[in-house]
PDB file of N, CA and C in Angstrom:
ATOM      1  N   MET A   1     -30.079  34.376  20.503  1.00  0.00           N
ATOM      2  CA  MET A   1     -30.328  33.175  21.268  1.00  0.00           C
ATOM      3  C   MET A   1     -29.103  32.847  22.109  1.00  0.00           C
ATOM      4  N   PHE A   2     -29.358  32.241  23.212  1.00  0.00           N
ATOM      5  CA  PHE A   2     -28.269  31.851  24.096  1.00  0.00           C
ATOM      6  C   PHE A   2     -27.812  30.435  23.771  1.00  0.00           C
ATOM      7  N   ARG A   3     -26.512  30.253  23.777  1.00  0.00           N
ATOM      8  CA  ARG A   3     -25.975  28.907  23.554  1.00  0.00           C
ATOM      9  C   ARG A   3     -25.892  28.189  24.879  1.00  0.00           C
ATOM     10  N   ARG A   4     -26.207  26.931  24.842  1.00  0.00           N
ATOM     11  CA  ARG A   4     -26.155  26.132  26.051  1.00  0.00           C
ATOM     12  C   ARG A   4     -24.704  25.716  26.320  1.00  0.00           C
ATOM     13  N   ARG A   5     -24.251  25.940  27.500  1.00  0.00           N
ATOM     14  CA  ARG A   5     -22.875  25.640  27.845  1.00  0.00           C
ATOM     15  C   ARG A   5     -22.765  24.220  28.369  1.00  0.00           C
ATOM     16  N   GLU A   6     -21.614  23.632  28.152  1.00  0.00           N
ATOM     17  CA  GLU A   6     -21.367  22.289  28.659  1.00  0.00           C
ATOM     18  C   GLU A   6     -21.228  22.344  30.175  1.00  0.00           C
ATOM     19  N   SER A   7     -21.730  21.337  30.836  1.00  0.00           N
ATOM     20  CA  SER A   7     -21.636  21.309  32.290  1.00  0.00           C
ATOM     21  C   SER A   7     -20.221  20.943  32.743  1.00  0.00           C
ATOM     22  N   VAL A   8     -19.499  20.176  31.910  1.00  0.00           N
ATOM     23  CA  VAL A   8     -18.139  19.788  32.241  1.00  0.00           C
ATOM     24  C   VAL A   8     -17.220  20.353  31.160  1.00  0.00           C
ATOM     25  N   PRO A   9     -16.240  21.142  31.549  1.00  0.00           N
ATOM     26  CA  PRO A   9     -15.350  21.699  30.515  1.00  0.00           C
ATOM     27  C   PRO A   9     -14.421  20.612  29.971  1.00  0.00           C
ATOM     28  N   PHE A  10     -14.365  20.511  28.666  1.00  0.00           N
ATOM     29  CA  PHE A  10     -13.509  19.515  28.034  1.00  0.00           C
ATOM     30  C   PHE A  10     -12.255  20.142  27.440  1.00  0.00           C
ATOM     31  N   SER A  11     -11.972  21.362  27.773  1.00  0.00           N
ATOM     32  CA  SER A  11     -10.797  22.008  27.218  1.00  0.00           C
ATOM     33  C   SER A  11      -9.514  21.396  27.755  1.00  0.00           C
ATOM     34  N   PHE A  12      -9.574  20.787  28.941  1.00  0.00           N
ATOM     35  CA  PHE A  12      -8.363  20.203  29.507  1.00  0.00           C
ATOM     36  C   PHE A  12      -7.856  19.035  28.674  1.00  0.00           C
ATOM     37  N   VAL A  13      -8.739  18.367  27.941  1.00  0.00           N
ATOM     38  CA  VAL A  13      -8.307  17.253  27.101  1.00  0.00           C
ATOM     39  C   VAL A  13      -7.477  17.778  25.940  1.00  0.00           C
ATOM     40  N   ALA A  14      -7.878  18.884  25.341  1.00  0.00           N
ATOM     41  CA  ALA A  14      -7.145  19.453  24.218  1.00  0.00           C
ATOM     42  C   ALA A  14      -5.830  20.077  24.667  1.00  0.00           C
ATOM     43  N   GLU A  15      -5.788  20.570  25.877  1.00  0.00           N
ATOM     44  CA  GLU A  15      -4.585  21.227  26.353  1.00  0.00           C
ATOM     45  C   GLU A  15      -3.552  20.238  26.878  1.00  0.00           C
ATOM     46  N   ALA A  16      -3.967  19.069  27.238  1.00  0.00           N
ATOM     47  CA  ALA A  16      -3.040  18.086  27.792  1.00  0.00           C
ATOM     48  C   ALA A  16      -2.139  17.548  26.697  1.00  0.00           C
ATOM     49  N   GLU A  17      -0.914  17.213  27.049  1.00  0.00           N
ATOM     50  CA  GLU A  17       0.010  16.633  26.084  1.00  0.00           C
ATOM     51  C   GLU A  17      -0.441  15.238  25.670  1.00  0.00           C
ATOM     52  N   ARG A  18      -0.887  14.491  26.640  1.00  0.00           N
ATOM     53  CA  ARG A  18      -1.300  13.118  26.366  1.00  0.00           C
ATOM     54  C   ARG A  18      -2.430  12.790  27.325  1.00  0.00           C
ATOM     55  N   PHE A  19      -3.446  12.112  26.800  1.00  0.00           N
ATOM     56  CA  PHE A  19      -4.563  11.750  27.653  1.00  0.00           C
ATOM     57  C   PHE A  19      -4.165  10.570  28.522  1.00  0.00           C
ATOM     58  N   ARG A  20      -4.332  10.715  29.818  1.00  0.00           N
ATOM     59  CA  ARG A  20      -3.994   9.648  30.745  1.00  0.00           C
ATOM     60  C   ARG A  20      -5.274   9.097  31.340  1.00  0.00           C
ATOM     61  N   SER A  21      -5.364   7.808  31.343  1.00  0.00           N
ATOM     62  CA  SER A  21      -6.551   7.159  31.885  1.00  0.00           C
ATOM     63  C   SER A  21      -6.122   6.140  32.923  1.00  0.00           C
ATOM     64  N   ASN A  22      -6.993   5.924  33.903  1.00  0.00           N
ATOM     65  CA  ASN A  22      -6.695   4.920  34.910  1.00  0.00           C
ATOM     66  C   ASN A  22      -7.276   3.564  34.521  1.00  0.00           C
ATOM     67  N   VAL A  23      -7.845   3.457  33.326  1.00  0.00           N
ATOM     68  CA  VAL A  23      -8.407   2.200  32.849  1.00  0.00           C
ATOM     69  C   VAL A  23      -7.409   1.593  31.874  1.00  0.00           C
ATOM     70  N   THR A  24      -6.977   0.394  32.160  1.00  0.00           N
ATOM     71  CA  THR A  24      -6.020  -0.262  31.265  1.00  0.00           C
ATOM     72  C   THR A  24      -6.776  -1.009  30.176  1.00  0.00           C
ATOM     73  N   PRO A  25      -6.296  -0.918  28.939  1.00  0.00           N
ATOM     74  CA  PRO A  25      -6.971  -1.641  27.861  1.00  0.00           C
ATOM     75  C   PRO A  25      -6.736  -3.145  28.007  1.00  0.00           C
ATOM     76  N   PRO A  26      -7.620  -3.931  27.439  1.00  0.00           N
ATOM     77  CA  PRO A  26      -7.408  -5.386  27.524  1.00  0.00           C
ATOM     78  C   PRO A  26      -6.186  -5.792  26.707  1.00  0.00           C
ATOM     79  N   PRO A  27      -5.545  -6.882  27.076  1.00  0.00           N
ATOM     80  CA  PRO A  27      -4.362  -7.315  26.315  1.00  0.00           C
ATOM     81  C   PRO A  27      -4.752  -7.735  24.904  1.00  0.00           C
ATOM     82  N   ARG A  28      -3.830  -7.526  23.980  1.00  0.00           N
ATOM     83  CA  ARG A  28      -4.084  -7.888  22.579  1.00  0.00           C
ATOM     84  C   ARG A  28      -4.102  -9.390  22.433  1.00  0.00           C
ATOM     85  N   GLU A  29      -4.993  -9.861  21.565  1.00  0.00           N
ATOM     86  CA  GLU A  29      -5.043 -11.289  21.299  1.00  0.00           C
ATOM     87  C   GLU A  29      -3.853 -11.681  20.435  1.00  0.00           C
ATOM     88  N   ARG A  30      -3.296 -12.830  20.729  1.00  0.00           N
ATOM     89  CA  ARG A  30      -2.193 -13.335  19.913  1.00  0.00           C
ATOM     90  C   ARG A  30      -2.751 -13.933  18.641  1.00  0.00           C
ATOM     91  N   ALA A  31      -2.029 -13.744  17.560  1.00  0.00           N
ATOM     92  CA  ALA A  31      -2.464 -14.286  16.280  1.00  0.00           C
ATOM     93  C   ALA A  31      -2.292 -15.802  16.291  1.00  0.00           C
ATOM     94  N   SER A  32      -3.259 -16.489  15.709  1.00  0.00           N
ATOM     95  CA  SER A  32      -3.174 -17.943  15.657  1.00  0.00           C
ATOM     96  C   SER A  32      -2.186 -18.358  14.563  1.00  0.00           C
ATOM     97  N   VAL A  33      -1.880 -19.634  14.541  1.00  0.00           N
ATOM     98  CA  VAL A  33      -0.917 -20.155  13.564  1.00  0.00           C
ATOM     99  C   VAL A  33      -1.461 -19.967  12.152  1.00  0.00           C
ATOM    100  N   SER A  34      -2.758 -20.197  11.969  1.00  0.00           N
ATOM    101  CA  SER A  34      -3.331 -20.043  10.630  1.00  0.00           C
ATOM    102  C   SER A  34      -3.317 -18.580  10.180  1.00  0.00           C
ATOM    103  N   GLN A  35      -3.524 -17.654  11.111  1.00  0.00           N
ATOM    104  CA  GLN A  35      -3.446 -16.236  10.745  1.00  0.00           C
ATOM    105  C   GLN A  35      -2.025 -15.844  10.366  1.00  0.00           C
ATOM    106  N   LEU A  36      -1.048 -16.330  11.109  1.00  0.00           N
ATOM    107  CA  LEU A  36       0.349 -16.040  10.770  1.00  0.00           C
ATOM    108  C   LEU A  36       0.724 -16.637   9.423  1.00  0.00           C
ATOM    109  N   ALA A  37       0.266 -17.863   9.158  1.00  0.00           N
ATOM    110  CA  ALA A  37       0.565 -18.493   7.875  1.00  0.00           C
ATOM    111  C   ALA A  37      -0.104 -17.726   6.731  1.00  0.00           C
ATOM    112  N   GLY A  38      -1.327 -17.279   6.933  1.00  0.00           N
ATOM    113  CA  GLY A  38      -2.021 -16.508   5.899  1.00  0.00           C
ATOM    114  C   GLY A  38      -1.331 -15.190   5.617  1.00  0.00           C
ATOM    115  N   ARG A  39      -0.907 -14.508   6.670  1.00  0.00           N
ATOM    116  CA  ARG A  39      -0.213 -13.232   6.478  1.00  0.00           C
ATOM    117  C   ARG A  39       1.111 -13.428   5.748  1.00  0.00           C
ATOM    118  N   SER A  40       1.828 -14.497   6.109  1.00  0.00           N
ATOM    119  CA  SER A  40       3.115 -14.724   5.436  1.00  0.00           C
ATOM    120  C   SER A  40       2.899 -15.120   3.979  1.00  0.00           C
ATOM    121  N   LEU A  41       1.841 -15.876   3.686  1.00  0.00           N
ATOM    122  CA  LEU A  41       1.567 -16.236   2.293  1.00  0.00           C
ATOM    123  C   LEU A  41       1.180 -15.012   1.471  1.00  0.00           C
ATOM    124  N   VAL A  42       0.414 -14.119   2.052  1.00  0.00           N
ATOM    125  CA  VAL A  42       0.063 -12.889   1.337  1.00  0.00           C
ATOM    126  C   VAL A  42       1.313 -12.057   1.080  1.00  0.00           C
ATOM    127  N   GLY A  43       2.183 -11.957   2.068  1.00  0.00           N
ATOM    128  CA  GLY A  43       3.428 -11.216   1.892  1.00  0.00           C
ATOM    129  C   GLY A  43       4.323 -11.828   0.840  1.00  0.00           C
ATOM    130  N   LEU A  44       4.453 -13.149   0.859  1.00  0.00           N
ATOM    131  CA  LEU A  44       5.277 -13.815  -0.150  1.00  0.00           C
ATOM    132  C   LEU A  44       4.680 -13.663  -1.546  1.00  0.00           C
ATOM    133  N   THR A  45       3.363 -13.690  -1.644  1.00  0.00           N
ATOM    134  CA  THR A  45       2.716 -13.496  -2.944  1.00  0.00           C
ATOM    135  C   THR A  45       2.986 -12.097  -3.485  1.00  0.00           C
ATOM    136  N   LEU A  46       2.923 -11.106  -2.620  1.00  0.00           N
ATOM    137  CA  LEU A  46       3.204  -9.736  -3.061  1.00  0.00           C
ATOM    138  C   LEU A  46       4.660  -9.582  -3.501  1.00  0.00           C
ATOM    139  N   VAL A  47       5.571 -10.133  -2.725  1.00  0.00           N
ATOM    140  CA  VAL A  47       6.991 -10.032  -3.083  1.00  0.00           C
ATOM    141  C   VAL A  47       7.262 -10.758  -4.393  1.00  0.00           C
ATOM    142  N   ALA A  48       6.668 -11.939  -4.569  1.00  0.00           N
ATOM    143  CA  ALA A  48       6.864 -12.683  -5.815  1.00  0.00           C
ATOM    144  C   ALA A  48       6.258 -11.931  -7.002  1.00  0.00           C
ATOM    145  N   GLY A  49       5.136 -11.273  -6.794  1.00  0.00           N
ATOM    146  CA  GLY A  49       4.534 -10.484  -7.874  1.00  0.00           C
ATOM    147  C   GLY A  49       5.408  -9.318  -8.272  1.00  0.00           C
ATOM    148  N   PHE A  50       5.960  -8.625  -7.287  1.00  0.00           N
ATOM    149  CA  PHE A  50       6.852  -7.507  -7.611  1.00  0.00           C
ATOM    150  C   PHE A  50       8.114  -7.996  -8.319  1.00  0.00           C
ATOM    151  N   ALA A  51       8.668  -9.097  -7.840  1.00  0.00           N
ATOM    152  CA  ALA A  51       9.883  -9.625  -8.472  1.00  0.00           C
ATOM    153  C   ALA A  51       9.593 -10.094  -9.891  1.00  0.00           C
ATOM    154  N   GLY A  52       8.459 -10.743 -10.104  1.00  0.00           N
ATOM    155  CA  GLY A  52       8.098 -11.197 -11.441  1.00  0.00           C
ATOM    156  C   GLY A  52       7.854 -10.056 -12.391  1.00  0.00           C
ATOM    157  N   SER A  53       7.166  -9.028 -11.910  1.00  0.00           N
ATOM    158  CA  SER A  53       6.920  -7.881 -12.791  1.00  0.00           C
ATOM    159  C   SER A  53       8.223  -7.155 -13.113  1.00  0.00           C
ATOM    160  N   LEU A  54       9.153  -7.144 -12.176  1.00  0.00           N
ATOM    161  CA  LEU A  54      10.449  -6.529 -12.447  1.00  0.00           C
ATOM    162  C   LEU A  54      11.232  -7.338 -13.474  1.00  0.00           C
ATOM    163  N   LEU A  55      11.229  -8.660 -13.325  1.00  0.00           N
ATOM    164  CA  LEU A  55      11.960  -9.506 -14.275  1.00  0.00           C
ATOM    165  C   LEU A  55      11.345  -9.457 -15.667  1.00  0.00           C
ATOM    166  N   LEU A  56      10.029  -9.416 -15.746  1.00  0.00           N
ATOM    167  CA  LEU A  56       9.381  -9.369 -17.056  1.00  0.00           C
ATOM    168  C   LEU A  56       9.372  -7.960 -17.654  1.00  0.00           C
ATOM    169  N   GLY A  57       9.461  -6.952 -16.807  1.00  0.00           N
ATOM    170  CA  GLY A  57       9.392  -5.586 -17.304  1.00  0.00           C
ATOM    171  C   GLY A  57      10.724  -4.991 -17.703  1.00  0.00           C
ATOM    172  N   LEU A  58      11.813  -5.505 -17.155  1.00  0.00           N
ATOM    173  CA  LEU A  58      13.122  -4.940 -17.478  1.00  0.00           C
ATOM    174  C   LEU A  58      13.487  -5.056 -18.956  1.00  0.00           C
ATOM    175  N   PRO A  59      13.242  -6.163 -19.626  1.00  0.00           N
ATOM    176  CA  PRO A  59      13.575  -6.206 -21.059  1.00  0.00           C
ATOM    177  C   PRO A  59      12.767  -5.180 -21.868  1.00  0.00           C
ATOM    178  N   ALA A  60      11.570  -4.886 -21.458  1.00  0.00           N
ATOM    179  CA  ALA A  60      10.767  -3.909 -22.189  1.00  0.00           C
ATOM    180  C   ALA A  60      11.282  -2.488 -21.967  1.00  0.00           C
ATOM    181  N   LEU A  61      11.941  -2.252 -20.857  1.00  0.00           N
ATOM    182  CA  LEU A  61      12.458  -0.914 -20.558  1.00  0.00           C
ATOM    183  C   LEU A  61      13.859  -0.691 -21.102  1.00  0.00           C
ATOM    184  N   ASP A  62      14.504  -1.728 -21.603  1.00  0.00           N
ATOM    185  CA  ASP A  62      15.863  -1.617 -22.110  1.00  0.00           C
ATOM    186  C   ASP A  62      15.851  -0.895 -23.452  1.00  0.00           C
ATOM    187  N   THR A  63      16.554   0.230 -23.540  1.00  0.00           N
ATOM    188  CA  THR A  63      16.588   1.011 -24.782  1.00  0.00           C
ATOM    189  C   THR A  63      17.933   0.916 -25.477  1.00  0.00           C
ATOM    190  N   GLY A  64      18.875   0.166 -24.945  1.00  0.00           N
ATOM    191  CA  GLY A  64      20.211   0.089 -25.514  1.00  0.00           C
ATOM    192  C   GLY A  64      20.302  -0.773 -26.761  1.00  0.00           C
ATOM    193  N   GLN A  65      19.352  -1.616 -27.029  1.00  0.00           N
ATOM    194  CA  GLN A  65      19.427  -2.503 -28.180  1.00  0.00           C
ATOM    195  C   GLN A  65      18.850  -1.825 -29.413  1.00  0.00           C
ATOM    196  N   ALA A  66      19.503  -2.058 -30.538  1.00  0.00           N
ATOM    197  CA  ALA A  66      18.986  -1.564 -31.811  1.00  0.00           C
ATOM    198  C   ALA A  66      17.908  -2.533 -32.287  1.00  0.00           C
ATOM    199  N   PRO A  67      16.905  -2.042 -32.968  1.00  0.00           N
ATOM    200  CA  PRO A  67      15.868  -2.958 -33.457  1.00  0.00           C
ATOM    201  C   PRO A  67      16.467  -3.936 -34.462  1.00  0.00           C
ATOM    202  N   SER A  68      16.110  -5.201 -34.338  1.00  0.00           N
ATOM    203  CA  SER A  68      16.693  -6.227 -35.194  1.00  0.00           C
ATOM    204  C   SER A  68      16.009  -6.297 -36.553  1.00  0.00           C
ATOM    205  N   HIS A  69      14.834  -5.761 -36.670  1.00  0.00           N
ATOM    206  CA  HIS A  69      14.141  -5.773 -37.958  1.00  0.00           C
ATOM    207  C   HIS A  69      13.476  -4.421 -38.178  1.00  0.00           C
ATOM    208  N   SER A  70      13.343  -4.071 -39.423  1.00  0.00           N
ATOM    209  CA  SER A  70      12.667  -2.812 -39.733  1.00  0.00           C
ATOM    210  C   SER A  70      11.287  -3.132 -40.287  1.00  0.00           C
ATOM    211  N   GLN A  71      10.391  -2.219 -40.080  1.00  0.00           N
ATOM    212  CA  GLN A  71       9.027  -2.449 -40.535  1.00  0.00           C
ATOM    213  C   GLN A  71       8.894  -1.999 -41.982  1.00  0.00           C
ATOM    214  N   HIS A  72       8.273  -2.825 -42.787  1.00  0.00           N
ATOM    215  CA  HIS A  72       7.997  -2.495 -44.176  1.00  0.00           C
ATOM    216  C   HIS A  72       6.502  -2.518 -44.386  1.00  0.00           C
ATOM    217  N   SER A  73       6.035  -1.547 -45.085  1.00  0.00           N
ATOM    218  CA  SER A  73       4.621  -1.490 -45.373  1.00  0.00           C
ATOM    219  C   SER A  73       4.337  -2.376 -46.584  1.00  0.00           C
ATOM    220  N   GLU A  74       3.209  -3.067 -46.539  1.00  0.00           N
ATOM    221  CA  GLU A  74       2.832  -3.912 -47.665  1.00  0.00           C
ATOM    222  C   GLU A  74       2.210  -3.095 -48.798  1.00  0.00           C
ATOM    223  N   ALA A  75       1.743  -1.917 -48.467  1.00  0.00           N
ATOM    224  CA  ALA A  75       1.166  -1.069 -49.507  1.00  0.00           C
ATOM    225  C   ALA A  75       2.295  -0.420 -50.284  1.00  0.00           C
ATOM    226  N   SER A  76       2.276  -0.550 -51.587  1.00  0.00           N
ATOM    227  CA  SER A  76       3.334   0.053 -52.394  1.00  0.00           C
ATOM    228  C   SER A  76       2.897   1.439 -52.824  1.00  0.00           C
ATOM    229  N   PRO A  77       3.831   2.404 -52.774  1.00  0.00           N
ATOM    230  CA  PRO A  77       3.452   3.772 -53.158  1.00  0.00           C
ATOM    231  C   PRO A  77       3.229   3.898 -54.663  1.00  0.00           C
ATOM    232  N   ASN A  78       3.860   3.046 -55.483  1.00  0.00           N
ATOM    233  CA  ASN A  78       3.698   3.124 -56.939  1.00  0.00           C
ATOM    234  C   ASN A  78       2.735   2.027 -57.384  1.00  0.00           C
ATOM    235  N   ARG A  79       1.805   2.396 -58.209  1.00  0.00           N
ATOM    236  CA  ARG A  79       0.886   1.387 -58.753  1.00  0.00           C
ATOM    237  C   ARG A  79       0.972   1.322 -60.210  1.00  0.00           C
TER     238      ARG A  79
END
């Protein structure tokens, strides 16, 4: 079977370093005050969560302390 060929070759797009267009994109919308406040609150919440988990997790990761109590079993080996 014969393959149908494209009427317009698109190989020039792949060979070009960068696609250049004469159509300019519309300008980006500026973020409103409420959007900026929401983004900053989300960022502060994430930073506070990381800092809190670090502060609460560091004592659990500390291996330099000797255990202050030893575990004793309530079951006695002799009856």
